[in-house]
Protein backbone atom coordinates (compact mmCIF):
# COMPACT_ATOMS: atom_id res chain seq x y z
CA UNK A 1 -50.81 -24.88 9.72
CA UNK A 2 -52.89 -24.01 12.77
CA UNK A 3 -51.11 -21.21 14.60
CA UNK A 4 -52.50 -22.34 17.95
CA UNK A 5 -51.54 -26.04 17.55
CA UNK A 6 -49.05 -25.85 20.44
CA UNK A 7 -51.70 -24.76 22.93
CA UNK A 8 -53.13 -27.16 25.53
CA UNK A 9 -56.34 -26.91 27.54
CA UNK A 10 -58.15 -28.46 30.49
CA UNK A 11 -56.81 -31.38 32.52
CA UNK A 12 -54.13 -32.15 29.92
CA UNK A 13 -52.59 -28.70 30.37
CA UNK A 14 -52.76 -29.07 34.16
CA UNK A 15 -50.86 -32.38 34.05
CA UNK A 16 -48.19 -31.01 31.69
CA UNK A 17 -47.80 -27.90 33.87
CA UNK A 18 -47.33 -29.94 37.06
CA UNK A 19 -44.86 -32.23 35.28
CA UNK A 20 -42.57 -29.53 33.91
CA UNK A 21 -42.68 -27.40 37.08
CA UNK A 22 -41.77 -30.45 39.17
CA UNK A 23 -38.87 -31.23 36.83
CA UNK A 24 -37.48 -27.68 36.91
CA UNK A 25 -37.89 -27.62 40.70
CA UNK A 26 -35.96 -30.91 41.03
CA UNK A 27 -33.17 -29.57 38.85
CA UNK A 28 -32.73 -26.41 40.89
CA UNK A 29 -33.00 -28.18 44.25
CA UNK A 30 -30.09 -30.37 43.21
CA UNK A 31 -28.02 -27.28 42.44
CA UNK A 32 -27.70 -26.52 46.16
CA UNK A 33 -28.73 -29.69 48.01
CA UNK A 34 -25.15 -31.03 48.15
CA UNK A 35 -23.89 -27.90 49.91
CA UNK A 36 -25.17 -29.08 53.30
CA UNK A 37 -23.73 -32.61 52.97
CA UNK A 38 -20.02 -31.76 52.74
CA UNK A 39 -19.10 -33.11 56.19
CA UNK A 40 -20.89 -36.41 55.63
CA UNK A 41 -19.43 -36.83 52.14
CA UNK A 42 -15.89 -36.16 53.40
CA UNK A 43 -16.32 -38.73 56.17
CA UNK A 44 -17.96 -41.45 54.08
CA UNK A 45 -15.95 -41.08 50.88
CA UNK A 46 -12.62 -40.20 52.51
CA UNK A 47 -12.04 -37.03 50.52
CA UNK A 48 -11.02 -33.41 51.13
CA UNK A 49 -13.21 -30.31 51.07
CA UNK A 50 -11.47 -29.26 47.83
CA UNK A 51 -12.44 -32.57 46.21
CA UNK A 52 -16.02 -32.23 47.43
CA UNK A 53 -16.26 -28.84 45.71
CA UNK A 54 -15.91 -30.68 42.37
CA UNK A 55 -19.26 -32.37 43.09
CA UNK A 56 -20.91 -28.95 42.96
CA UNK A 57 -18.74 -27.66 40.11
CA UNK A 58 -19.37 -30.68 37.84
CA UNK A 59 -23.15 -30.22 38.07
CA UNK A 60 -22.96 -26.47 37.39
CA UNK A 61 -20.58 -26.88 34.43
CA UNK A 62 -22.82 -29.49 32.82
CA UNK A 63 -25.88 -27.28 33.41
CA UNK A 64 -24.47 -24.20 31.80
CA UNK A 65 -23.19 -26.15 28.76
CA UNK A 66 -26.44 -27.96 27.94
CA UNK A 67 -28.99 -25.20 28.65
CA UNK A 68 -28.35 -23.07 25.53
CA UNK A 69 -28.32 -26.20 23.33
CA UNK A 70 -31.76 -27.34 24.52
CA UNK A 71 -33.77 -25.80 21.69
CA UNK A 72 -31.49 -27.31 19.03
CA UNK A 73 -31.60 -30.72 20.71
CA UNK A 74 -35.39 -30.50 21.02
CA UNK A 75 -35.62 -29.95 17.26
CA UNK A 76 -33.18 -32.74 16.42
CA UNK A 77 -34.59 -35.36 18.79
CA UNK A 78 -38.17 -34.19 19.15
CA UNK A 79 -39.28 -32.27 22.21
CA UNK A 80 -41.04 -35.21 23.87
CA UNK A 81 -38.05 -37.53 23.34
CA UNK A 82 -35.53 -34.93 24.46
CA UNK A 83 -37.43 -33.87 27.58
CA UNK A 84 -38.37 -37.44 28.54
CA UNK A 85 -34.85 -38.70 27.85
CA UNK A 86 -33.43 -35.93 30.00
CA UNK A 87 -35.76 -36.88 32.88
CA UNK A 88 -34.58 -40.51 32.58
CA UNK A 89 -30.90 -39.46 32.46
CA UNK A 90 -31.36 -37.20 35.49
CA UNK A 91 -33.11 -39.99 37.42
CA UNK A 92 -30.57 -42.70 36.55
CA UNK A 93 -27.65 -40.36 37.33
CA UNK A 94 -29.28 -39.53 40.69
CA UNK A 95 -29.43 -43.25 41.52
CA UNK A 96 -25.78 -43.72 40.52
CA UNK A 97 -24.73 -40.67 42.59
CA UNK A 98 -26.30 -42.25 45.67
CA UNK A 99 -24.49 -45.55 45.00
CA UNK A 100 -21.06 -43.99 44.38
CA UNK A 101 -18.16 -45.60 46.27
CA UNK A 102 -15.61 -42.81 45.83
CA UNK A 103 -15.51 -39.09 45.20
CA UNK A 104 -14.59 -39.23 41.50
CA UNK A 105 -17.44 -41.61 40.71
CA UNK A 106 -19.74 -39.12 42.37
CA UNK A 107 -18.25 -36.22 40.38
CA UNK A 108 -18.74 -38.12 37.11
CA UNK A 109 -22.35 -39.03 37.84
CA UNK A 110 -23.06 -35.46 39.02
CA UNK A 111 -21.87 -34.25 35.61
CA UNK A 112 -24.33 -36.62 33.90
CA UNK A 113 -27.03 -35.49 36.31
CA UNK A 114 -26.27 -31.88 35.33
CA UNK A 115 -26.59 -32.73 31.62
CA UNK A 116 -30.06 -34.15 32.22
CA UNK A 117 -31.04 -31.42 34.65
CA UNK A 118 -29.96 -28.53 32.43
CA UNK A 119 -32.35 -29.73 29.74
CA UNK A 120 -35.22 -29.78 32.24
CA UNK A 121 -34.64 -26.16 33.19
CA UNK A 122 -34.72 -24.54 29.74
CA UNK A 123 -37.18 -26.90 28.05
CA UNK A 124 -39.69 -26.57 30.92
CA UNK A 125 -39.89 -22.84 30.34
CA UNK A 126 -40.35 -23.29 26.59
CA UNK A 127 -43.11 -25.88 27.05
CA UNK A 128 -45.00 -23.70 29.52
CA UNK A 129 -44.71 -20.64 27.28
CA UNK A 130 -46.05 -22.54 24.26
CA UNK A 131 -48.95 -24.44 25.86
CA UNK A 132 -50.46 -21.21 27.24
CA UNK A 133 -51.91 -18.51 25.02
CA UNK A 134 -50.04 -15.19 24.75
CA UNK A 135 -52.64 -13.60 27.03
CA UNK A 136 -51.77 -16.14 29.73
CA UNK A 137 -48.00 -16.01 29.46
CA UNK A 138 -47.74 -14.02 32.67
CA UNK A 139 -49.48 -16.91 34.43
CA UNK A 140 -47.13 -19.42 32.75
CA UNK A 141 -44.07 -17.39 33.77
CA UNK A 142 -45.36 -17.22 37.33
CA UNK A 143 -45.71 -20.98 37.57
CA UNK A 144 -42.26 -21.59 36.08
CA UNK A 145 -40.85 -18.96 38.43
CA UNK A 146 -42.04 -21.00 41.41
CA UNK A 147 -39.41 -23.60 40.54
CA UNK A 148 -36.67 -21.07 39.86
CA UNK A 149 -37.21 -19.20 43.13
CA UNK A 150 -38.17 -22.12 45.39
CA UNK A 151 -35.48 -24.51 44.16
CA UNK A 152 -32.35 -22.78 45.52
CA UNK A 153 -34.22 -22.15 48.80
CA UNK A 154 -35.62 -25.65 49.25
CA UNK A 155 -32.29 -27.32 48.39
CA UNK A 156 -30.51 -26.57 51.69
CA UNK A 157 -33.73 -27.13 53.68
CA UNK A 158 -34.46 -30.54 52.16
CA UNK A 159 -30.78 -31.48 52.22
CA UNK A 160 -30.46 -30.51 55.87
CA UNK A 161 -33.52 -32.58 56.81
CA UNK A 162 -32.38 -35.67 54.89
CA UNK A 163 -28.84 -35.49 56.27
CA UNK A 164 -30.11 -34.97 59.81
CA UNK A 165 -32.57 -37.88 59.71
CA UNK A 166 -31.07 -40.30 57.15
CA UNK A 167 -27.74 -40.41 55.28
CA UNK A 168 -26.13 -38.58 52.36
CA UNK A 169 -27.30 -40.98 49.56
CA UNK A 170 -30.90 -39.97 50.32
CA UNK A 171 -30.29 -36.49 48.88
CA UNK A 172 -29.98 -38.26 45.51
CA UNK A 173 -32.38 -41.18 45.98
CA UNK A 174 -35.24 -38.79 46.74
CA UNK A 175 -35.22 -37.86 43.01
CA UNK A 176 -35.92 -41.40 41.81
CA UNK A 177 -39.69 -41.83 42.46
CA UNK A 178 -40.41 -38.28 41.27
CA UNK A 179 -38.29 -38.86 38.15
CA UNK A 180 -40.10 -42.11 37.28
CA UNK A 181 -43.52 -40.45 37.54
CA UNK A 182 -42.30 -37.39 35.56
CA UNK A 183 -40.92 -39.63 32.77
CA UNK A 184 -44.24 -41.51 32.50
CA UNK A 185 -46.25 -38.27 32.37
CA UNK A 186 -43.85 -36.78 29.81
CA UNK A 187 -44.15 -39.62 27.31
CA UNK A 188 -47.92 -39.84 27.91
CA UNK A 189 -48.97 -36.20 27.70
CA UNK A 190 -46.27 -33.93 26.23
CA UNK A 191 -46.45 -33.56 22.45
CA UNK A 192 -43.90 -32.56 19.85
CA UNK A 193 -44.46 -29.09 18.42
CA UNK A 194 -45.94 -28.97 14.94
CA UNK A 195 -43.75 -26.14 13.66
CA UNK A 196 -40.67 -28.39 13.67
CA UNK A 197 -40.56 -29.87 10.18
CA UNK A 198 -38.61 -32.96 8.99
CA UNK A 199 -36.35 -30.58 7.04
CA UNK A 200 -35.41 -28.77 10.28
CA UNK A 201 -34.44 -32.07 11.89
CA UNK A 202 -32.23 -32.98 8.93
CA UNK A 203 -30.19 -29.75 8.95
CA UNK A 204 -26.42 -30.02 9.22
CA UNK A 205 -25.07 -30.46 12.74
CA UNK A 206 -23.10 -27.43 13.95
CA UNK A 207 -20.19 -29.43 15.38
CA UNK A 208 -17.84 -26.44 15.50
CA UNK A 209 -20.40 -24.40 17.46
CA UNK A 210 -21.01 -27.30 19.86
CA UNK A 211 -17.28 -27.75 20.52
CA UNK A 212 -16.68 -24.01 21.00
CA UNK A 213 -19.69 -23.80 23.35
CA UNK A 214 -18.55 -26.75 25.47
CA UNK A 215 -14.97 -25.49 25.64
CA UNK A 216 -15.76 -21.79 26.20
CA UNK A 217 -18.68 -21.98 28.61
CA UNK A 218 -17.29 -25.04 30.40
CA UNK A 219 -13.94 -23.33 30.99
CA UNK A 220 -15.63 -20.12 32.17
CA UNK A 221 -17.83 -22.00 34.63
CA UNK A 222 -14.75 -23.88 35.90
CA UNK A 223 -12.96 -20.58 36.53
CA UNK A 224 -15.96 -19.16 38.39
CA UNK A 225 -16.51 -22.31 40.48
CA UNK A 226 -12.86 -22.90 41.46
CA UNK A 227 -11.21 -19.47 41.13
CA UNK A 228 -11.71 -18.18 44.65
CA UNK A 229 -10.74 -21.52 46.18
CA UNK A 230 -7.47 -21.51 44.18
CA UNK A 231 -6.77 -17.82 44.95
CA UNK A 232 -7.58 -17.05 41.34
CA UNK A 233 -4.58 -16.66 39.07
CA UNK A 234 -2.08 -18.24 41.41
CA UNK A 235 -3.15 -21.64 40.04
CA UNK A 236 -1.89 -22.59 36.59
CA UNK A 237 -5.04 -24.37 35.47
CA UNK A 238 -7.16 -21.31 36.35
CA UNK A 239 -4.96 -19.16 34.07
CA UNK A 240 -5.18 -21.71 31.26
CA UNK A 241 -8.96 -22.08 31.74
CA UNK A 242 -9.41 -18.30 31.59
CA UNK A 243 -7.53 -18.07 28.28
CA UNK A 244 -9.50 -21.03 26.91
CA UNK A 245 -12.79 -19.47 28.06
CA UNK A 246 -12.06 -16.13 26.35
CA UNK A 247 -10.91 -17.72 23.09
CA UNK A 248 -13.71 -20.28 23.10
CA UNK A 249 -16.49 -17.78 23.78
CA UNK A 250 -15.23 -15.18 21.28
CA UNK A 251 -14.90 -17.91 18.68
CA UNK A 252 -18.35 -19.25 19.53
CA UNK A 253 -20.06 -15.87 19.15
CA UNK A 254 -18.33 -15.11 15.85
CA UNK A 255 -19.08 -18.56 14.46
CA UNK A 256 -22.74 -18.65 15.53
CA UNK A 257 -23.47 -15.30 13.90
CA UNK A 258 -21.93 -16.46 10.62
CA UNK A 259 -23.13 -20.06 10.22
CA UNK A 260 -26.39 -21.02 8.53
CA UNK A 261 -27.54 -23.58 11.12
CA UNK A 262 -26.22 -22.48 14.54
CA UNK A 263 -26.56 -24.73 17.57
CA UNK A 264 -27.51 -21.58 19.54
CA UNK A 265 -29.29 -18.94 17.48
CA UNK A 266 -27.73 -15.73 18.80
CA UNK A 267 -29.60 -13.73 16.15
CA UNK A 268 -32.61 -13.90 18.47
CA UNK A 269 -30.86 -11.19 20.54
CA UNK A 270 -31.93 -8.68 17.90
CA UNK A 271 -35.61 -9.54 18.33
CA UNK A 272 -38.05 -8.02 20.79
CA UNK A 273 -36.52 -7.43 24.21
CA UNK A 274 -34.29 -10.51 24.21
CA UNK A 275 -31.03 -8.54 24.44
CA UNK A 276 -32.06 -6.41 27.41
CA UNK A 277 -33.87 -9.39 28.92
CA UNK A 278 -30.63 -11.37 28.75
CA UNK A 279 -28.72 -8.63 30.56
CA UNK A 280 -31.40 -8.40 33.25
CA UNK A 281 -31.45 -12.22 33.55
CA UNK A 282 -27.74 -12.07 34.36
CA UNK A 283 -28.48 -9.51 37.06
CA UNK A 284 -31.37 -11.62 38.39
CA UNK A 285 -29.07 -14.64 38.66
CA UNK A 286 -26.41 -12.48 40.29
CA UNK A 287 -28.83 -11.21 42.93
CA UNK A 288 -30.72 -14.45 43.53
CA UNK A 289 -27.74 -16.76 43.92
CA UNK A 290 -25.39 -14.31 45.65
CA UNK A 291 -27.98 -13.45 48.29
CA UNK A 292 -28.74 -17.15 48.81
CA UNK A 293 -24.96 -17.68 49.13
CA UNK A 294 -24.15 -14.77 51.48
CA UNK A 295 -26.93 -15.26 54.01
CA UNK A 296 -26.39 -18.99 54.77
CA UNK A 297 -22.62 -18.58 55.00
CA UNK A 298 -22.96 -15.75 57.51
CA UNK A 299 -25.62 -17.28 59.74
CA UNK A 300 -24.05 -20.76 59.77
CA UNK A 301 -20.43 -19.73 60.28
CA UNK A 302 -20.88 -16.83 62.66
CA UNK A 303 -24.31 -17.16 64.25
CA UNK A 304 -24.31 -20.94 64.66
CA UNK A 305 -27.40 -21.76 62.57
CA UNK A 306 -27.76 -25.38 61.43
CA UNK A 307 -28.38 -26.17 57.75
CA UNK A 308 -32.01 -27.07 58.49
CA UNK A 309 -32.49 -23.93 60.59
CA UNK A 310 -31.04 -21.81 57.77
CA UNK A 311 -33.29 -23.39 55.17
CA UNK A 312 -36.39 -22.98 57.32
CA UNK A 313 -35.58 -19.30 57.88
CA UNK A 314 -35.52 -18.81 54.09
CA UNK A 315 -38.76 -20.70 53.53
CA UNK A 316 -41.33 -17.99 54.49
CA UNK A 317 -39.79 -15.55 52.00
CA UNK A 318 -39.85 -18.20 49.28
CA UNK A 319 -43.51 -18.91 50.03
CA UNK A 320 -44.25 -15.19 49.75
CA UNK A 321 -42.55 -15.21 46.32
CA UNK A 322 -44.73 -18.16 45.33
CA UNK A 323 -47.85 -16.28 46.48
CA UNK A 324 -46.86 -13.05 44.70
CA UNK A 325 -46.07 -14.62 41.32
CA UNK A 326 -49.68 -15.51 40.37
CA UNK A 327 -50.73 -12.05 41.52
CA UNK A 328 -48.12 -10.49 39.24
CA UNK A 329 -49.21 -12.84 36.44
CA UNK A 330 -52.79 -11.56 36.79
CA UNK A 331 -51.56 -7.95 36.71
CA UNK A 332 -49.70 -8.65 33.48
CA UNK A 333 -52.71 -10.37 31.90
CA UNK A 334 -54.77 -7.27 32.71
CA UNK A 335 -52.35 -5.00 30.87
CA UNK A 336 -49.65 -4.04 33.38
CA UNK A 337 -46.38 -3.41 31.55
CA UNK A 338 -43.35 -5.47 32.66
CA UNK A 339 -40.93 -2.58 32.32
CA UNK A 340 -42.89 -0.62 34.94
CA UNK A 341 -43.10 -3.56 37.38
CA UNK A 342 -39.39 -4.39 37.13
CA UNK A 343 -38.05 -1.10 38.60
CA UNK A 344 -40.33 -1.66 41.60
CA UNK A 345 -38.94 -5.21 41.95
CA UNK A 346 -35.29 -4.16 41.79
CA UNK A 347 -36.02 -1.35 44.23
CA UNK A 348 -37.59 -3.81 46.70
CA UNK A 349 -34.59 -6.10 46.36
CA UNK A 350 -32.27 -3.16 47.04
CA UNK A 351 -34.29 -2.30 50.17
CA UNK A 352 -33.79 -5.89 51.36
CA UNK A 353 -30.01 -5.59 51.04
CA UNK A 354 -29.92 -2.25 52.87
CA UNK A 355 -32.08 -3.63 55.71
CA UNK A 356 -29.76 -6.65 56.01
CA UNK A 357 -26.72 -4.39 56.19
CA UNK A 358 -28.31 -2.48 59.07
CA UNK A 359 -29.28 -5.45 61.28
CA UNK A 360 -26.37 -7.92 61.12
CA UNK A 361 -24.23 -8.08 64.25
CA UNK A 362 -22.46 -10.96 66.04
CA UNK A 363 -25.57 -11.29 68.21
CA UNK A 364 -28.36 -10.98 65.61
CA UNK A 365 -31.12 -13.50 66.34
CA UNK A 366 -33.14 -15.61 63.92
CA UNK A 367 -36.27 -13.50 64.39
CA UNK A 368 -34.45 -10.39 63.16
CA UNK A 369 -34.10 -11.90 59.68
CA UNK A 370 -37.78 -12.76 59.24
CA UNK A 371 -39.08 -9.49 57.79
CA UNK A 372 -36.03 -8.67 55.62
CA UNK A 373 -36.35 -12.11 54.01
CA UNK A 374 -40.07 -11.49 53.48
CA UNK A 375 -39.14 -8.26 51.67
CA UNK A 376 -36.69 -10.26 49.54
CA UNK A 377 -39.50 -12.69 48.71
CA UNK A 378 -41.77 -9.86 47.57
CA UNK A 379 -38.99 -8.45 45.38
CA UNK A 380 -38.32 -11.79 43.73
CA UNK A 381 -42.04 -12.34 43.19
CA UNK A 382 -42.26 -9.07 41.26
CA UNK A 383 -38.94 -9.61 39.49
CA UNK A 384 -39.01 -12.98 37.79
CA UNK A 385 -42.43 -13.00 36.10
CA UNK A 386 -42.28 -9.56 34.40
CA UNK A 387 -38.68 -10.23 33.31
CA UNK A 388 -39.56 -13.55 31.68
CA UNK A 389 -42.70 -12.10 30.09
CA UNK A 390 -40.79 -9.12 28.73
CA UNK A 391 -37.93 -11.27 27.40
CA UNK A 392 -40.19 -13.71 25.52
CA UNK A 393 -42.97 -11.30 24.59
CA UNK A 394 -43.65 -11.02 20.85
CA UNK A 395 -41.44 -13.98 19.88
CA UNK A 396 -42.60 -16.68 17.49
CA UNK A 397 -41.97 -20.36 16.94
CA UNK A 398 -38.53 -21.67 17.83
CA UNK A 399 -37.37 -18.15 18.78
CA UNK A 400 -39.18 -18.70 22.09
CA UNK A 401 -37.02 -21.74 22.86
CA UNK A 402 -33.82 -20.03 21.70
CA UNK A 403 -34.48 -17.00 23.91
CA UNK A 404 -35.54 -19.16 26.88
CA UNK A 405 -32.38 -21.27 26.64
CA UNK A 406 -30.13 -18.25 26.24
CA UNK A 407 -31.64 -16.32 29.16
CA UNK A 408 -31.55 -19.44 31.36
CA UNK A 409 -27.84 -19.94 30.60
CA UNK A 410 -27.07 -16.29 31.30
CA UNK A 411 -29.05 -16.45 34.55
CA UNK A 412 -26.96 -19.45 35.62
CA UNK A 413 -23.74 -17.65 34.69
CA UNK A 414 -24.97 -14.56 36.54
CA UNK A 415 -25.36 -16.70 39.63
CA UNK A 416 -21.85 -18.11 39.22
CA UNK A 417 -20.40 -14.62 38.75
CA UNK A 418 -22.35 -13.39 41.78
CA UNK A 419 -21.08 -16.15 44.07
CA UNK A 420 -17.49 -15.85 42.77
CA UNK A 421 -17.38 -12.05 43.07
CA UNK A 422 -19.04 -11.97 46.49
CA UNK A 423 -16.79 -14.74 47.80
CA UNK A 424 -13.66 -12.91 46.61
CA UNK A 425 -14.93 -9.57 47.92
CA UNK A 426 -15.69 -11.08 51.35
CA UNK A 427 -12.23 -12.63 51.58
CA UNK A 428 -10.49 -9.40 50.53
CA UNK A 429 -12.54 -7.02 52.67
CA UNK A 430 -12.20 -9.22 55.76
CA UNK A 431 -8.42 -8.76 55.52
CA UNK A 432 -8.85 -5.01 54.92
CA UNK A 433 -11.17 -4.51 57.89
CA UNK A 434 -9.07 -6.74 60.12
CA UNK A 435 -5.90 -4.79 59.27
CA UNK A 436 -7.71 -1.54 60.04
CA UNK A 437 -9.00 -2.85 63.38
CA UNK A 438 -5.62 -4.30 64.36
CA UNK A 439 -3.98 -0.95 63.63
CA UNK A 440 -6.35 0.68 66.10
CA UNK A 441 -6.20 -2.11 68.68
CA UNK A 442 -2.78 -1.53 70.25
CA UNK A 443 -1.41 -1.47 73.78
CA UNK A 444 -1.06 2.31 73.37
CA UNK A 445 -4.85 2.56 73.18
CA UNK A 446 -6.34 3.08 76.62
CA UNK A 447 -9.61 1.31 75.86
CA UNK A 448 -7.78 -1.76 74.51
CA UNK A 449 -5.50 -1.95 77.53
CA UNK A 450 -8.42 -1.66 79.91
CA UNK A 451 -10.36 -4.36 78.06
CA UNK A 452 -7.38 -6.72 78.14
CA UNK A 453 -7.01 -6.19 81.88
CA UNK A 454 -10.69 -6.99 82.47
CA UNK A 455 -10.50 -10.13 80.31
CA UNK A 456 -7.26 -11.26 81.98
CA UNK A 457 -8.79 -10.92 85.43
CA UNK A 458 -11.86 -12.88 84.30
CA UNK A 459 -9.68 -15.66 82.86
CA UNK A 460 -7.49 -15.67 85.99
CA UNK A 461 -10.56 -16.39 88.08
CA UNK A 462 -11.23 -19.46 85.92
CA UNK A 463 -7.74 -20.98 85.39
CA UNK A 464 -5.71 -19.56 88.32
CA UNK A 465 -2.58 -19.08 86.17
CA UNK A 466 -1.53 -15.57 85.07
CA UNK A 467 0.34 -16.74 81.92
CA UNK A 468 -2.58 -18.86 80.75
CA UNK A 469 -5.03 -16.11 81.63
CA UNK A 470 -3.05 -13.53 79.65
CA UNK A 471 -2.80 -15.82 76.58
CA UNK A 472 -6.51 -16.56 76.75
CA UNK A 473 -7.29 -12.83 76.96
CA UNK A 474 -5.19 -12.12 73.86
CA UNK A 475 -6.85 -15.02 72.02
CA UNK A 476 -10.29 -13.68 72.92
CA UNK A 477 -9.32 -10.23 71.70
CA UNK A 478 -8.03 -11.74 68.43
CA UNK A 479 -11.31 -13.60 67.96
CA UNK A 480 -13.30 -10.43 68.67
CA UNK A 481 -11.30 -8.44 66.09
CA UNK A 482 -11.77 -11.14 63.44
CA UNK A 483 -15.48 -11.42 64.20
CA UNK A 484 -15.95 -7.65 63.95
CA UNK A 485 -14.01 -7.53 60.67
CA UNK A 486 -16.28 -10.25 59.29
CA UNK A 487 -19.45 -8.41 60.32
CA UNK A 488 -18.19 -5.17 58.72
CA UNK A 489 -17.41 -7.12 55.53
CA UNK A 490 -20.92 -8.57 55.28
CA UNK A 491 -22.39 -5.12 55.90
CA UNK A 492 -20.30 -3.80 52.99
CA UNK A 493 -21.35 -6.71 50.76
CA UNK A 494 -25.07 -6.15 51.29
CA UNK A 495 -24.70 -2.39 50.80
CA UNK A 496 -22.80 -2.77 47.53
CA UNK A 497 -25.40 -5.24 46.26
CA UNK A 498 -28.10 -2.69 47.04
CA UNK A 499 -26.29 0.06 45.13
CA UNK A 500 -25.79 -2.35 42.22
CA UNK A 501 -29.52 -3.07 41.99
CA UNK A 502 -30.39 0.63 42.16
CA UNK A 503 -27.99 1.42 39.32
CA UNK A 504 -29.64 -1.23 37.13
CA UNK A 505 -33.09 0.40 37.22
CA UNK A 506 -32.52 3.02 34.46
CA UNK A 507 -31.51 0.20 32.08
CA UNK A 508 -35.00 -1.28 32.29
CA UNK A 509 -36.61 1.72 30.62
CA UNK A 510 -34.69 0.96 27.40
CA UNK A 511 -37.01 -2.02 26.84
CA UNK A 512 -39.54 -1.82 24.03
CA UNK A 513 -43.28 -1.88 24.61
CA UNK A 514 -44.49 -5.18 23.15
CA UNK A 515 -48.08 -6.33 22.98
CA UNK A 516 -48.24 -9.51 25.02
CA UNK A 517 -51.50 -10.53 23.37
CA UNK A 518 -49.98 -11.13 19.95
CA UNK A 519 -50.76 -14.58 18.56
CA UNK A 520 -47.89 -17.01 18.18
CA UNK A 521 -47.08 -17.74 14.58
CA UNK A 522 -46.10 -21.36 15.08
CA UNK A 523 -45.38 -21.85 11.44
CA UNK A 524 -42.52 -19.41 11.64
CA UNK A 525 -39.06 -20.92 11.77
């Protein structure tokens, strides 16, 4: 069998590349696009903020369940059928989301949308890796990385624009024309891989592995999505979900290592740099999604940015990432080693977090964030491509898909852990800092007393009533204390993230040196 039979060339490769990048970009945009529509959804569907959060959670849970199963489903159904079917499911579910009459309809259709979208994410990476030669994998990783980096950034921007100028259903309807074109191009140009034999398609279905994966990963994602909102283990279903997640995941790992035809081939962790690449993918997801989470929350809640303004402020950095990725891809194709580019990338990302911790105040303006976000963009540009290249380098046949699906799932979970941990840390540290400030802000403190007197006199000039003026002065002081506690908390959060990224750097040097120019043995399975 021709070992290069998966490769594509010329205009056909260009069309396939545009198709799969567009699909992965759509999937990731929809991960965050709903976040800016909460007010409109609550008003139009008559639901609470807690209920709206299930719209986000349902999509994420479906994503993280289906991503690691993508390689197995591609083999069973055929890659063209699976990818094209997933595009159709994603498009139809998007249409149904926009036509939903109540919140639980929307949650159900978002889950279906997540099932289709999760397949797009992992399978896109596999297709790109296989249609480019090993020498060009850095270029392929760079193009795939455009979707991964741009998606979470463009989501709030596009969502903010559509909400501001149209109505909430448009954030779903916008997927329909793109999905129709992508489905047509998929069935016209994408081919099934030749190394998948009829015997591989007829292998026994790993039903136990599928059930354990759905139960374990689904429960874990539920805990991460809803834990902070429910004050973690004060809610009974969070406790139950945690126990189910632990038992399900332990059972899943043990079963997959000991069954002949696993739904997720965990044995690929022993090959190449997949194991260390998986760990670093978790850290990438942690840093990417937590930083995208922290920044918008701070600038919208405390600096008064609109959703569109927030998205536009993130856009230049994302464009810099998009510009840097092809450059990094060229460096890799010319022999640069990923494990020497990655420490630089993590170091740049750490610098971004330290700069952010030094500039945020209650009065920080939009212009102050421009250069730190550019630095973040450079770091991400140097981070994603070498990591993907290192993780998949030297793999053969279906191992590429298995590793791509596994690292994509871990990256998603890393993002969920990052958001959950940062959210909990922010809540806790705000209380800690507030308590510390309150302890210092007493009537026995001369500076506090003097400030209260000044504020009372200012309020008295406005309202002409001493009681009202005094109450307003105390309320202003309370607001100031809370605001300062919040700023100190975000400073801490960025600083701890920076230290975390610096501590990761020594781990990178454990990676093996793998020749990225090895030919793919597509007959291997």
